[in-house]
PDB file of N, CA and C in Angstrom:
ATOM      1  N   UNK A   1      63.346  24.416 -15.373  1.00  0.00           N
ATOM      2  CA  UNK A   1      64.230  25.395 -14.930  1.00  0.00           C
ATOM      3  C   UNK A   1      65.265  25.730 -15.938  1.00  0.00           C
ATOM      4  N   UNK A   2      65.777  24.688 -16.627  1.00  0.00           N
ATOM      5  CA  UNK A   2      66.853  24.904 -17.615  1.00  0.00           C
ATOM      6  C   UNK A   2      66.273  25.710 -18.825  1.00  0.00           C
ATOM      7  N   UNK A   3      64.965  25.548 -19.126  1.00  0.00           N
ATOM      8  CA  UNK A   3      64.354  26.351 -20.195  1.00  0.00           C
ATOM      9  C   UNK A   3      64.462  27.838 -19.899  1.00  0.00           C
ATOM     10  N   UNK A   4      64.199  28.205 -18.641  1.00  0.00           N
ATOM     11  CA  UNK A   4      64.253  29.581 -18.225  1.00  0.00           C
ATOM     12  C   UNK A   4      65.695  30.127 -18.428  1.00  0.00           C
ATOM     13  N   UNK A   5      66.636  29.332 -17.987  1.00  0.00           N
ATOM     14  CA  UNK A   5      68.037  29.746 -18.135  1.00  0.00           C
ATOM     15  C   UNK A   5      68.399  29.889 -19.607  1.00  0.00           C
ATOM     16  N   UNK A   6      67.958  28.974 -20.413  1.00  0.00           N
ATOM     17  CA  UNK A   6      68.245  29.043 -21.833  1.00  0.00           C
ATOM     18  C   UNK A   6      67.600  30.307 -22.457  1.00  0.00           C
ATOM     19  N   UNK A   7      66.374  30.567 -22.091  1.00  0.00           N
ATOM     20  CA  UNK A   7      65.664  31.799 -22.601  1.00  0.00           C
ATOM     21  C   UNK A   7      66.418  32.995 -22.173  1.00  0.00           C
ATOM     22  N   UNK A   8      66.888  33.049 -20.943  1.00  0.00           N
ATOM     23  CA  UNK A   8      67.662  34.198 -20.440  1.00  0.00           C
ATOM     24  C   UNK A   8      68.944  34.380 -21.239  1.00  0.00           C
ATOM     25  N   UNK A   9      69.665  33.261 -21.452  1.00  0.00           N
ATOM     26  CA  UNK A   9      70.904  33.317 -22.218  1.00  0.00           C
ATOM     27  C   UNK A   9      70.652  33.765 -23.650  1.00  0.00           C
ATOM     28  N   UNK A  10      69.606  33.267 -24.285  1.00  0.00           N
ATOM     29  CA  UNK A  10      69.299  33.631 -25.676  1.00  0.00           C
ATOM     30  C   UNK A  10      68.877  35.113 -25.723  1.00  0.00           C
ATOM     31  N   UNK A  11      68.092  35.570 -24.774  1.00  0.00           N
ATOM     32  CA  UNK A  11      67.667  36.975 -24.718  1.00  0.00           C
ATOM     33  C   UNK A  11      68.892  37.881 -24.559  1.00  0.00           C
ATOM     34  N   UNK A  12      69.825  37.502 -23.736  1.00  0.00           N
ATOM     35  CA  UNK A  12      71.056  38.289 -23.512  1.00  0.00           C
ATOM     36  C   UNK A  12      71.871  38.336 -24.813  1.00  0.00           C
ATOM     37  N   UNK A  13      71.971  37.196 -25.457  1.00  0.00           N
ATOM     38  CA  UNK A  13      72.695  37.079 -26.755  1.00  0.00           C
ATOM     39  C   UNK A  13      72.034  37.959 -27.793  1.00  0.00           C
ATOM     40  N   UNK A  14      70.724  37.853 -27.887  1.00  0.00           N
ATOM     41  CA  UNK A  14      70.027  38.677 -28.878  1.00  0.00           C
ATOM     42  C   UNK A  14      70.163  40.147 -28.626  1.00  0.00           C
ATOM     43  N   UNK A  15      70.086  40.539 -27.365  1.00  0.00           N
ATOM     44  CA  UNK A  15      70.225  41.976 -27.008  1.00  0.00           C
ATOM     45  C   UNK A  15      71.588  42.473 -27.423  1.00  0.00           C
ATOM     46  N   UNK A  16      72.623  41.721 -27.126  1.00  0.00           N
ATOM     47  CA  UNK A  16      73.977  42.119 -27.518  1.00  0.00           C
ATOM     48  C   UNK A  16      74.137  42.222 -29.015  1.00  0.00           C
ATOM     49  N   UNK A  17      73.697  41.189 -29.679  1.00  0.00           N
ATOM     50  CA  UNK A  17      73.926  41.116 -31.159  1.00  0.00           C
ATOM     51  C   UNK A  17      73.055  42.118 -31.918  1.00  0.00           C
ATOM     52  N   UNK A  18      71.792  42.285 -31.479  1.00  0.00           N
ATOM     53  CA  UNK A  18      70.903  43.241 -32.172  1.00  0.00           C
ATOM     54  C   UNK A  18      71.427  44.645 -31.932  1.00  0.00           C
ATOM     55  N   UNK A  19      71.903  44.959 -30.740  1.00  0.00           N
ATOM     56  CA  UNK A  19      72.495  46.267 -30.440  1.00  0.00           C
ATOM     57  C   UNK A  19      73.700  46.507 -31.374  1.00  0.00           C
ATOM     58  N   UNK A  20      74.509  45.500 -31.510  1.00  0.00           N
ATOM     59  CA  UNK A  20      75.687  45.623 -32.381  1.00  0.00           C
ATOM     60  C   UNK A  20      75.305  45.853 -33.813  1.00  0.00           C
ATOM     61  N   UNK A  21      74.313  45.072 -34.293  1.00  0.00           N
ATOM     62  CA  UNK A  21      73.887  45.177 -35.684  1.00  0.00           C
ATOM     63  C   UNK A  21      73.309  46.558 -35.945  1.00  0.00           C
ATOM     64  N   UNK A  22      72.481  47.082 -35.011  1.00  0.00           N
ATOM     65  CA  UNK A  22      71.879  48.377 -35.175  1.00  0.00           C
ATOM     66  C   UNK A  22      72.984  49.449 -35.231  1.00  0.00           C
ATOM     67  N   UNK A  23      73.930  49.401 -34.331  1.00  0.00           N
ATOM     68  CA  UNK A  23      74.935  50.453 -34.303  1.00  0.00           C
ATOM     69  C   UNK A  23      75.970  50.366 -35.433  1.00  0.00           C
ATOM     70  N   UNK A  24      76.300  49.153 -35.891  1.00  0.00           N
ATOM     71  CA  UNK A  24      77.388  49.046 -36.832  1.00  0.00           C
ATOM     72  C   UNK A  24      76.967  48.661 -38.272  1.00  0.00           C
ATOM     73  N   UNK A  25      75.824  48.009 -38.417  1.00  0.00           N
ATOM     74  CA  UNK A  25      75.499  47.468 -39.770  1.00  0.00           C
ATOM     75  C   UNK A  25      74.311  48.129 -40.368  1.00  0.00           C
ATOM     76  N   UNK A  26      73.309  48.477 -39.634  1.00  0.00           N
ATOM     77  CA  UNK A  26      72.085  49.082 -40.199  1.00  0.00           C
ATOM     78  C   UNK A  26      72.443  50.496 -40.680  1.00  0.00           C
ATOM     79  N   UNK A  27      72.186  50.785 -41.937  1.00  0.00           N
ATOM     80  CA  UNK A  27      72.578  52.047 -42.516  1.00  0.00           C
ATOM     81  C   UNK A  27      71.523  53.130 -42.385  1.00  0.00           C
ATOM     82  N   UNK A  28      70.328  52.758 -41.951  1.00  0.00           N
ATOM     83  CA  UNK A  28      69.217  53.726 -41.854  1.00  0.00           C
ATOM     84  C   UNK A  28      69.512  54.740 -40.733  1.00  0.00           C
ATOM     85  N   UNK A  29      69.643  56.012 -41.091  1.00  0.00           N
ATOM     86  CA  UNK A  29      69.946  57.009 -40.070  1.00  0.00           C
ATOM     87  C   UNK A  29      68.861  57.213 -39.028  1.00  0.00           C
ATOM     88  N   UNK A  30      67.628  56.712 -39.283  1.00  0.00           N
ATOM     89  CA  UNK A  30      66.532  56.901 -38.304  1.00  0.00           C
ATOM     90  C   UNK A  30      66.757  56.082 -37.044  1.00  0.00           C
ATOM     91  N   UNK A  31      67.584  55.045 -37.107  1.00  0.00           N
ATOM     92  CA  UNK A  31      67.706  54.141 -35.991  1.00  0.00           C
ATOM     93  C   UNK A  31      68.984  54.408 -35.158  1.00  0.00           C
ATOM     94  N   UNK A  32      69.597  55.521 -35.320  1.00  0.00           N
ATOM     95  CA  UNK A  32      70.873  55.821 -34.620  1.00  0.00           C
ATOM     96  C   UNK A  32      70.689  56.023 -33.096  1.00  0.00           C
ATOM     97  N   UNK A  33      69.572  56.516 -32.664  1.00  0.00           N
ATOM     98  CA  UNK A  33      69.378  56.816 -31.232  1.00  0.00           C
ATOM     99  C   UNK A  33      68.532  55.787 -30.524  1.00  0.00           C
ATOM    100  N   UNK A  34      68.702  54.514 -30.932  1.00  0.00           N
ATOM    101  CA  UNK A  34      67.921  53.415 -30.358  1.00  0.00           C
ATOM    102  C   UNK A  34      68.726  52.646 -29.404  1.00  0.00           C
ATOM    103  N   UNK A  35      68.136  52.324 -28.246  1.00  0.00           N
ATOM    104  CA  UNK A  35      68.771  51.471 -27.226  1.00  0.00           C
ATOM    105  C   UNK A  35      67.809  50.300 -26.945  1.00  0.00           C
ATOM    106  N   UNK A  36      68.326  49.049 -26.945  1.00  0.00           N
ATOM    107  CA  UNK A  36      67.525  47.895 -26.612  1.00  0.00           C
ATOM    108  C   UNK A  36      67.516  47.797 -25.072  1.00  0.00           C
ATOM    109  N   UNK A  37      66.284  47.898 -24.516  1.00  0.00           N
ATOM    110  CA  UNK A  37      66.217  47.889 -23.030  1.00  0.00           C
ATOM    111  C   UNK A  37      65.985  46.489 -22.486  1.00  0.00           C
ATOM    112  N   UNK A  38      65.178  45.690 -23.190  1.00  0.00           N
ATOM    113  CA  UNK A  38      64.976  44.305 -22.774  1.00  0.00           C
ATOM    114  C   UNK A  38      64.337  43.500 -23.902  1.00  0.00           C
ATOM    115  N   UNK A  39      64.427  42.193 -23.752  1.00  0.00           N
ATOM    116  CA  UNK A  39      63.856  41.297 -24.765  1.00  0.00           C
ATOM    117  C   UNK A  39      63.055  40.213 -24.056  1.00  0.00           C
ATOM    118  N   UNK A  40      61.860  39.957 -24.515  1.00  0.00           N
ATOM    119  CA  UNK A  40      61.032  38.889 -24.035  1.00  0.00           C
ATOM    120  C   UNK A  40      60.896  37.849 -25.136  1.00  0.00           C
ATOM    121  N   UNK A  41      61.165  36.609 -24.789  1.00  0.00           N
ATOM    122  CA  UNK A  41      61.075  35.531 -25.739  1.00  0.00           C
ATOM    123  C   UNK A  41      59.919  34.587 -25.353  1.00  0.00           C
ATOM    124  N   UNK A  42      59.288  34.032 -26.416  1.00  0.00           N
ATOM    125  CA  UNK A  42      58.337  32.974 -26.120  1.00  0.00           C
ATOM    126  C   UNK A  42      59.054  31.762 -25.614  1.00  0.00           C
ATOM    127  N   UNK A  43      58.308  30.849 -24.985  1.00  0.00           N
ATOM    128  CA  UNK A  43      58.916  29.653 -24.398  1.00  0.00           C
ATOM    129  C   UNK A  43      59.697  28.794 -25.407  1.00  0.00           C
ATOM    130  N   UNK A  44      59.194  28.811 -26.664  1.00  0.00           N
ATOM    131  CA  UNK A  44      59.857  27.992 -27.686  1.00  0.00           C
ATOM    132  C   UNK A  44      60.978  28.805 -28.437  1.00  0.00           C
ATOM    133  N   UNK A  45      61.250  30.045 -28.001  1.00  0.00           N
ATOM    134  CA  UNK A  45      62.277  30.917 -28.537  1.00  0.00           C
ATOM    135  C   UNK A  45      62.077  31.305 -29.980  1.00  0.00           C
ATOM    136  N   UNK A  46      60.834  31.201 -30.463  1.00  0.00           N
ATOM    137  CA  UNK A  46      60.589  31.473 -31.887  1.00  0.00           C
ATOM    138  C   UNK A  46      60.137  32.927 -32.136  1.00  0.00           C
ATOM    139  N   UNK A  47      59.847  33.660 -31.030  1.00  0.00           N
ATOM    140  CA  UNK A  47      59.290  34.977 -31.199  1.00  0.00           C
ATOM    141  C   UNK A  47      59.895  35.896 -30.148  1.00  0.00           C
ATOM    142  N   UNK A  48      60.465  37.009 -30.558  1.00  0.00           N
ATOM    143  CA  UNK A  48      61.077  37.956 -29.595  1.00  0.00           C
ATOM    144  C   UNK A  48      60.436  39.331 -29.689  1.00  0.00           C
ATOM    145  N   UNK A  49      60.033  39.794 -28.492  1.00  0.00           N
ATOM    146  CA  UNK A  49      59.513  41.158 -28.397  1.00  0.00           C
ATOM    147  C   UNK A  49      60.690  41.967 -27.874  1.00  0.00           C
ATOM    148  N   UNK A  50      61.079  42.948 -28.669  1.00  0.00           N
ATOM    149  CA  UNK A  50      62.315  43.744 -28.361  1.00  0.00           C
ATOM    150  C   UNK A  50      61.834  45.145 -27.950  1.00  0.00           C
ATOM    151  N   UNK A  51      62.080  45.446 -26.701  1.00  0.00           N
ATOM    152  CA  UNK A  51      61.683  46.747 -26.146  1.00  0.00           C
ATOM    153  C   UNK A  51      62.856  47.711 -26.374  1.00  0.00           C
ATOM    154  N   UNK A  52      62.525  48.883 -26.917  1.00  0.00           N
ATOM    155  CA  UNK A  52      63.512  49.889 -27.301  1.00  0.00           C
ATOM    156  C   UNK A  52      63.245  51.233 -26.644  1.00  0.00           C
ATOM    157  N   UNK A  53      64.278  51.878 -26.277  1.00  0.00           N
ATOM    158  CA  UNK A  53      64.235  53.277 -25.820  1.00  0.00           C
ATOM    159  C   UNK A  53      64.796  54.114 -26.931  1.00  0.00           C
ATOM    160  N   UNK A  54      64.062  55.154 -27.338  1.00  0.00           N
ATOM    161  CA  UNK A  54      64.483  55.953 -28.479  1.00  0.00           C
ATOM    162  C   UNK A  54      64.492  57.394 -28.066  1.00  0.00           C
ATOM    163  N   UNK A  55      65.634  58.051 -28.241  1.00  0.00           N
ATOM    164  CA  UNK A  55      65.764  59.442 -27.918  1.00  0.00           C
ATOM    165  C   UNK A  55      65.112  60.290 -29.015  1.00  0.00           C
ATOM    166  N   UNK A  56      64.530  61.428 -28.591  1.00  0.00           N
ATOM    167  CA  UNK A  56      63.931  62.307 -29.558  1.00  0.00           C
ATOM    168  C   UNK A  56      62.440  62.546 -29.247  1.00  0.00           C
ATOM    169  N   UNK A  57      61.868  63.348 -30.109  1.00  0.00           N
ATOM    170  CA  UNK A  57      60.438  63.663 -29.988  1.00  0.00           C
ATOM    171  C   UNK A  57      59.584  62.538 -30.549  1.00  0.00           C
ATOM    172  N   UNK A  58      58.321  62.678 -30.479  1.00  0.00           N
ATOM    173  CA  UNK A  58      57.366  61.666 -30.959  1.00  0.00           C
ATOM    174  C   UNK A  58      57.596  61.260 -32.403  1.00  0.00           C
ATOM    175  N   UNK A  59      57.888  62.239 -33.234  1.00  0.00           N
ATOM    176  CA  UNK A  59      58.137  61.980 -34.665  1.00  0.00           C
ATOM    177  C   UNK A  59      59.412  61.174 -34.845  1.00  0.00           C
ATOM    178  N   UNK A  60      60.467  61.475 -34.134  1.00  0.00           N
ATOM    179  CA  UNK A  60      61.715  60.741 -34.221  1.00  0.00           C
ATOM    180  C   UNK A  60      61.516  59.287 -33.736  1.00  0.00           C
ATOM    181  N   UNK A  61      60.748  59.096 -32.689  1.00  0.00           N
ATOM    182  CA  UNK A  61      60.503  57.752 -32.177  1.00  0.00           C
ATOM    183  C   UNK A  61      59.724  56.960 -33.219  1.00  0.00           C
ATOM    184  N   UNK A  62      58.707  57.550 -33.801  1.00  0.00           N
ATOM    185  CA  UNK A  62      57.922  56.895 -34.825  1.00  0.00           C
ATOM    186  C   UNK A  62      58.806  56.474 -36.004  1.00  0.00           C
ATOM    187  N   UNK A  63      59.633  57.427 -36.472  1.00  0.00           N
ATOM    188  CA  UNK A  63      60.515  57.152 -37.593  1.00  0.00           C
ATOM    189  C   UNK A  63      61.483  56.054 -37.280  1.00  0.00           C
ATOM    190  N   UNK A  64      62.040  56.076 -36.023  1.00  0.00           N
ATOM    191  CA  UNK A  64      62.982  55.052 -35.656  1.00  0.00           C
ATOM    192  C   UNK A  64      62.386  53.688 -35.614  1.00  0.00           C
ATOM    193  N   UNK A  65      61.177  53.571 -35.103  1.00  0.00           N
ATOM    194  CA  UNK A  65      60.471  52.310 -35.067  1.00  0.00           C
ATOM    195  C   UNK A  65      60.221  51.755 -36.524  1.00  0.00           C
ATOM    196  N   UNK A  66      59.850  52.721 -37.417  1.00  0.00           N
ATOM    197  CA  UNK A  66      59.647  52.315 -38.812  1.00  0.00           C
ATOM    198  C   UNK A  66      60.952  51.779 -39.417  1.00  0.00           C
ATOM    199  N   UNK A  67      62.045  52.447 -39.063  1.00  0.00           N
ATOM    200  CA  UNK A  67      63.342  52.022 -39.542  1.00  0.00           C
ATOM    201  C   UNK A  67      63.731  50.652 -39.057  1.00  0.00           C
ATOM    202  N   UNK A  68      63.397  50.384 -37.767  1.00  0.00           N
ATOM    203  CA  UNK A  68      63.713  49.063 -37.170  1.00  0.00           C
ATOM    204  C   UNK A  68      62.845  47.993 -37.844  1.00  0.00           C
ATOM    205  N   UNK A  69      61.567  48.285 -38.069  1.00  0.00           N
ATOM    206  CA  UNK A  69      60.690  47.306 -38.698  1.00  0.00           C
ATOM    207  C   UNK A  69      61.210  47.013 -40.118  1.00  0.00           C
ATOM    208  N   UNK A  70      61.659  48.058 -40.798  1.00  0.00           N
ATOM    209  CA  UNK A  70      62.116  47.892 -42.168  1.00  0.00           C
ATOM    210  C   UNK A  70      63.411  47.047 -42.232  1.00  0.00           C
ATOM    211  N   UNK A  71      64.224  47.126 -41.143  1.00  0.00           N
ATOM    212  CA  UNK A  71      65.496  46.414 -41.129  1.00  0.00           C
ATOM    213  C   UNK A  71      65.382  45.013 -40.480  1.00  0.00           C
ATOM    214  N   UNK A  72      64.151  44.618 -40.106  1.00  0.00           N
ATOM    215  CA  UNK A  72      63.986  43.324 -39.408  1.00  0.00           C
ATOM    216  C   UNK A  72      64.517  42.146 -40.161  1.00  0.00           C
ATOM    217  N   UNK A  73      64.231  42.041 -41.421  1.00  0.00           N
ATOM    218  CA  UNK A  73      64.708  40.867 -42.202  1.00  0.00           C
ATOM    219  C   UNK A  73      66.219  40.867 -42.248  1.00  0.00           C
ATOM    220  N   UNK A  74      66.809  42.026 -42.461  1.00  0.00           N
ATOM    221  CA  UNK A  74      68.283  42.106 -42.484  1.00  0.00           C
ATOM    222  C   UNK A  74      68.852  41.645 -41.149  1.00  0.00           C
ATOM    223  N   UNK A  75      68.233  42.105 -40.035  1.00  0.00           N
ATOM    224  CA  UNK A  75      68.723  41.762 -38.706  1.00  0.00           C
ATOM    225  C   UNK A  75      68.641  40.267 -38.460  1.00  0.00           C
ATOM    226  N   UNK A  76      67.542  39.665 -38.878  1.00  0.00           N
ATOM    227  CA  UNK A  76      67.363  38.203 -38.700  1.00  0.00           C
ATOM    228  C   UNK A  76      68.431  37.452 -39.512  1.00  0.00           C
ATOM    229  N   UNK A  77      68.725  37.937 -40.693  1.00  0.00           N
ATOM    230  CA  UNK A  77      69.743  37.301 -41.541  1.00  0.00           C
ATOM    231  C   UNK A  77      71.114  37.416 -40.868  1.00  0.00           C
ATOM    232  N   UNK A  78      71.431  38.642 -40.372  1.00  0.00           N
ATOM    233  CA  UNK A  78      72.680  38.855 -39.670  1.00  0.00           C
ATOM    234  C   UNK A  78      72.824  38.012 -38.438  1.00  0.00           C
ATOM    235  N   UNK A  79      71.714  37.836 -37.675  1.00  0.00           N
ATOM    236  CA  UNK A  79      71.724  36.996 -36.489  1.00  0.00           C
ATOM    237  C   UNK A  79      71.966  35.536 -36.834  1.00  0.00           C
ATOM    238  N   UNK A  80      71.388  35.138 -37.938  1.00  0.00           N
ATOM    239  CA  UNK A  80      71.579  33.763 -38.400  1.00  0.00           C
ATOM    240  C   UNK A  80      73.082  33.469 -38.635  1.00  0.00           C
ATOM    241  N   UNK A  81      73.809  34.464 -39.134  1.00  0.00           N
ATOM    242  CA  UNK A  81      75.237  34.276 -39.435  1.00  0.00           C
ATOM    243  C   UNK A  81      76.124  34.303 -38.195  1.00  0.00           C
ATOM    244  N   UNK A  82      75.744  35.033 -37.133  1.00  0.00           N
ATOM    245  CA  UNK A  82      76.621  35.204 -35.991  1.00  0.00           C
ATOM    246  C   UNK A  82      76.269  34.407 -34.749  1.00  0.00           C
ATOM    247  N   UNK A  83      75.085  33.706 -34.811  1.00  0.00           N
ATOM    248  CA  UNK A  83      74.705  32.897 -33.669  1.00  0.00           C
ATOM    249  C   UNK A  83      74.584  31.446 -34.102  1.00  0.00           C
ATOM    250  N   UNK A  84      74.528  30.578 -33.130  1.00  0.00           N
ATOM    251  CA  UNK A  84      74.350  29.166 -33.430  1.00  0.00           C
ATOM    252  C   UNK A  84      72.936  28.718 -33.139  1.00  0.00           C
ATOM    253  N   UNK A  85      71.985  29.666 -33.182  1.00  0.00           N
ATOM    254  CA  UNK A  85      70.596  29.355 -32.942  1.00  0.00           C
ATOM    255  C   UNK A  85      70.025  28.508 -34.101  1.00  0.00           C
ATOM    256  N   UNK A  86      69.339  27.478 -33.778  1.00  0.00           N
ATOM    257  CA  UNK A  86      68.731  26.628 -34.789  1.00  0.00           C
ATOM    258  C   UNK A  86      67.654  27.424 -35.553  1.00  0.00           C
ATOM    259  N   UNK A  87      66.881  28.160 -34.782  1.00  0.00           N
ATOM    260  CA  UNK A  87      65.795  29.005 -35.358  1.00  0.00           C
ATOM    261  C   UNK A  87      66.013  30.417 -34.834  1.00  0.00           C
ATOM    262  N   UNK A  88      66.159  31.397 -35.738  1.00  0.00           N
ATOM    263  CA  UNK A  88      66.267  32.771 -35.350  1.00  0.00           C
ATOM    264  C   UNK A  88      64.829  33.286 -35.140  1.00  0.00           C
ATOM    265  N   UNK A  89      64.553  33.847 -33.971  1.00  0.00           N
ATOM    266  CA  UNK A  89      63.149  34.246 -33.709  1.00  0.00           C
ATOM    267  C   UNK A  89      62.672  35.382 -34.595  1.00  0.00           C
ATOM    268  N   UNK A  90      61.323  35.386 -34.775  1.00  0.00           N
ATOM    269  CA  UNK A  90      60.699  36.575 -35.385  1.00  0.00           C
ATOM    270  C   UNK A  90      60.917  37.717 -34.438  1.00  0.00           C
ATOM    271  N   UNK A  91      61.176  38.908 -34.983  1.00  0.00           N
ATOM    272  CA  UNK A  91      61.467  40.089 -34.170  1.00  0.00           C
ATOM    273  C   UNK A  91      60.342  41.087 -34.239  1.00  0.00           C
ATOM    274  N   UNK A  92      59.888  41.584 -33.089  1.00  0.00           N
ATOM    275  CA  UNK A  92      58.910  42.645 -32.958  1.00  0.00           C
ATOM    276  C   UNK A  92      59.505  43.746 -32.155  1.00  0.00           C
ATOM    277  N   UNK A  93      59.587  44.937 -32.658  1.00  0.00           N
ATOM    278  CA  UNK A  93      60.110  46.070 -31.943  1.00  0.00           C
ATOM    279  C   UNK A  93      58.983  46.875 -31.290  1.00  0.00           C
ATOM    280  N   UNK A  94      59.175  47.176 -29.995  1.00  0.00           N
ATOM    281  CA  UNK A  94      58.144  47.888 -29.226  1.00  0.00           C
ATOM    282  C   UNK A  94      58.850  49.022 -28.471  1.00  0.00           C
ATOM    283  N   UNK A  95      58.188  50.196 -28.513  1.00  0.00           N
ATOM    284  CA  UNK A  95      58.708  51.344 -27.805  1.00  0.00           C
ATOM    285  C   UNK A  95      58.556  51.153 -26.324  1.00  0.00           C
ATOM    286  N   UNK A  96      59.634  51.206 -25.601  1.00  0.00           N
ATOM    287  CA  UNK A  96      59.633  51.068 -24.120  1.00  0.00           C
ATOM    288  C   UNK A  96      59.715  52.501 -23.533  1.00  0.00           C
ATOM    289  N   UNK A  97      58.581  52.885 -22.987  1.00  0.00           N
ATOM    290  CA  UNK A  97      58.491  54.266 -22.446  1.00  0.00           C
ATOM    291  C   UNK A  97      58.673  54.255 -20.908  1.00  0.00           C
ATOM    292  N   UNK A  98      59.183  53.177 -20.355  1.00  0.00           N
ATOM    293  CA  UNK A  98      59.328  53.095 -18.900  1.00  0.00           C
ATOM    294  C   UNK A  98      60.339  54.097 -18.357  1.00  0.00           C
ATOM    295  N   UNK A  99      61.410  54.409 -19.125  1.00  0.00           N
ATOM    296  CA  UNK A  99      62.354  55.411 -18.639  1.00  0.00           C
ATOM    297  C   UNK A  99      61.702  56.781 -18.573  1.00  0.00           C
ATOM    298  N   UNK A 100      60.903  57.116 -19.581  1.00  0.00           N
ATOM    299  CA  UNK A 100      60.190  58.385 -19.608  1.00  0.00           C
ATOM    300  C   UNK A 100      59.163  58.419 -18.431  1.00  0.00           C
ATOM    301  N   UNK A 101      58.490  57.319 -18.212  1.00  0.00           N
ATOM    302  CA  UNK A 101      57.559  57.247 -17.124  1.00  0.00           C
ATOM    303  C   UNK A 101      58.227  57.473 -15.784  1.00  0.00           C
ATOM    304  N   UNK A 102      59.385  56.791 -15.605  1.00  0.00           N
ATOM    305  CA  UNK A 102      60.117  56.979 -14.356  1.00  0.00           C
ATOM    306  C   UNK A 102      60.575  58.387 -14.154  1.00  0.00           C
ATOM    307  N   UNK A 103      61.038  59.029 -15.253  1.00  0.00           N
ATOM    308  CA  UNK A 103      61.463  60.404 -15.174  1.00  0.00           C
ATOM    309  C   UNK A 103      60.303  61.319 -14.745  1.00  0.00           C
ATOM    310  N   UNK A 104      59.093  61.088 -15.276  1.00  0.00           N
ATOM    311  CA  UNK A 104      57.918  61.883 -14.942  1.00  0.00           C
ATOM    312  C   UNK A 104      57.583  61.699 -13.435  1.00  0.00           C
ATOM    313  N   UNK A 105      57.657  60.494 -12.916  1.00  0.00           N
ATOM    314  CA  UNK A 105      57.439  60.224 -11.534  1.00  0.00           C
ATOM    315  C   UNK A 105      58.464  60.935 -10.667  1.00  0.00           C
ATOM    316  N   UNK A 106      59.726  60.948 -11.128  1.00  0.00           N
ATOM    317  CA  UNK A 106      60.778  61.658 -10.374  1.00  0.00           C
ATOM    318  C   UNK A 106      60.515  63.138 -10.289  1.00  0.00           C
ATOM    319  N   UNK A 107      60.013  63.717 -11.388  1.00  0.00           N
ATOM    320  CA  UNK A 107      59.665  65.165 -11.400  1.00  0.00           C
ATOM    321  C   UNK A 107      58.529  65.415 -10.383  1.00  0.00           C
ATOM    322  N   UNK A 108      57.568  64.574 -10.343  1.00  0.00           N
ATOM    323  CA  UNK A 108      56.436  64.734  -9.385  1.00  0.00           C
ATOM    324  C   UNK A 108      56.955  64.627  -7.945  1.00  0.00           C
ATOM    325  N   UNK A 109      57.816  63.656  -7.703  1.00  0.00           N
ATOM    326  CA  UNK A 109      58.395  63.495  -6.330  1.00  0.00           C
ATOM    327  C   UNK A 109      59.203  64.722  -5.947  1.00  0.00           C
ATOM    328  N   UNK A 110      60.013  65.250  -6.858  1.00  0.00           N
ATOM    329  CA  UNK A 110      60.795  66.416  -6.580  1.00  0.00           C
ATOM    330  C   UNK A 110      59.880  67.614  -6.241  1.00  0.00           C
ATOM    331  N   UNK A 111      58.795  67.778  -6.985  1.00  0.00           N
ATOM    332  CA  UNK A 111      57.879  68.860  -6.731  1.00  0.00           C
ATOM    333  C   UNK A 111      57.249  68.725  -5.335  1.00  0.00           C
ATOM    334  N   UNK A 112      56.873  67.500  -4.983  1.00  0.00           N
ATOM    335  CA  UNK A 112      56.317  67.245  -3.649  1.00  0.00           C
ATOM    336  C   UNK A 112      57.304  67.629  -2.547  1.00  0.00           C
ATOM    337  N   UNK A 113      58.562  67.260  -2.741  1.00  0.00           N
ATOM    338  CA  UNK A 113      59.607  67.592  -1.785  1.00  0.00           C
ATOM    339  C   UNK A 113      59.801  69.091  -1.671  1.00  0.00           C
ATOM    340  N   UNK A 114      59.737  69.779  -2.803  1.00  0.00           N
ATOM    341  CA  UNK A 114      59.884  71.230  -2.784  1.00  0.00           C
ATOM    342  C   UNK A 114      58.723  71.882  -2.058  1.00  0.00           C
ATOM    343  N   UNK A 115      57.485  71.402  -2.313  1.00  0.00           N
ATOM    344  CA  UNK A 115      56.330  71.966  -1.639  1.00  0.00           C
ATOM    345  C   UNK A 115      56.389  71.721  -0.179  1.00  0.00           C
ATOM    346  N   UNK A 116      56.821  70.501   0.244  1.00  0.00           N
ATOM    347  CA  UNK A 116      56.938  70.189   1.667  1.00  0.00           C
ATOM    348  C   UNK A 116      57.986  71.059   2.305  1.00  0.00           C
ATOM    349  N   UNK A 117      59.089  71.272   1.598  1.00  0.00           N
ATOM    350  CA  UNK A 117      60.153  72.118   2.150  1.00  0.00           C
ATOM    351  C   UNK A 117      59.689  73.591   2.320  1.00  0.00           C
ATOM    352  N   UNK A 118      58.898  74.076   1.386  1.00  0.00           N
ATOM    353  CA  UNK A 118      58.439  75.450   1.504  1.00  0.00           C
ATOM    354  C   UNK A 118      57.381  75.582   2.575  1.00  0.00           C
ATOM    355  N   UNK A 119      56.637  74.532   2.898  1.00  0.00           N
ATOM    356  CA  UNK A 119      55.697  74.567   3.993  1.00  0.00           C
ATOM    357  C   UNK A 119      56.427  74.675   5.320  1.00  0.00           C
ATOM    358  N   UNK A 120      57.534  74.007   5.457  1.00  0.00           N
ATOM    359  CA  UNK A 120      58.327  74.071   6.685  1.00  0.00           C
ATOM    360  C   UNK A 120      58.984  75.419   6.849  1.00  0.00           C
ATOM    361  N   UNK A 121      59.360  76.059   5.752  1.00  0.00           N
ATOM    362  CA  UNK A 121      59.948  77.392   5.778  1.00  0.00           C
ATOM    363  C   UNK A 121      58.928  78.475   6.202  1.00  0.00           C
ATOM    364  N   UNK A 122      57.685  78.278   5.867  1.00  0.00           N
ATOM    365  CA  UNK A 122      56.626  79.212   6.138  1.00  0.00           C
ATOM    366  C   UNK A 122      56.113  79.054   7.582  1.00  0.00           C
ATOM    367  N   UNK A 123      56.404  77.938   8.222  1.00  0.00           N
ATOM    368  CA  UNK A 123      55.883  77.674   9.569  1.00  0.00           C
ATOM    369  C   UNK A 123      56.608  78.469  10.614  1.00  0.00           C
TER     370      UNK A 123
END
């Protein structure tokens, strides 16, 4: 149970620090519209999958992911300096499209409500 709590604490720390590093230290303009949505760590805390939400079109998202991958070594180095982690995990950035998916579902629900409302008006 304590391992889970530690993993949660480390994930929260990583999310906070990586967000700060991206917004204040990474100079690549491609990564300006990136938000860290969640982080999944392996049990041994050596590998982190970082899910990101990126504003913009497909090209902008692709470019931002490339920028994040390019800045990975810098981010690991910066994390090493600001955290007391014995081992800074390997970082993998993944596009999180769950917000876009939820928005599409909301559009469908709204359309269904509109259609249902127009059926009642016609009755």
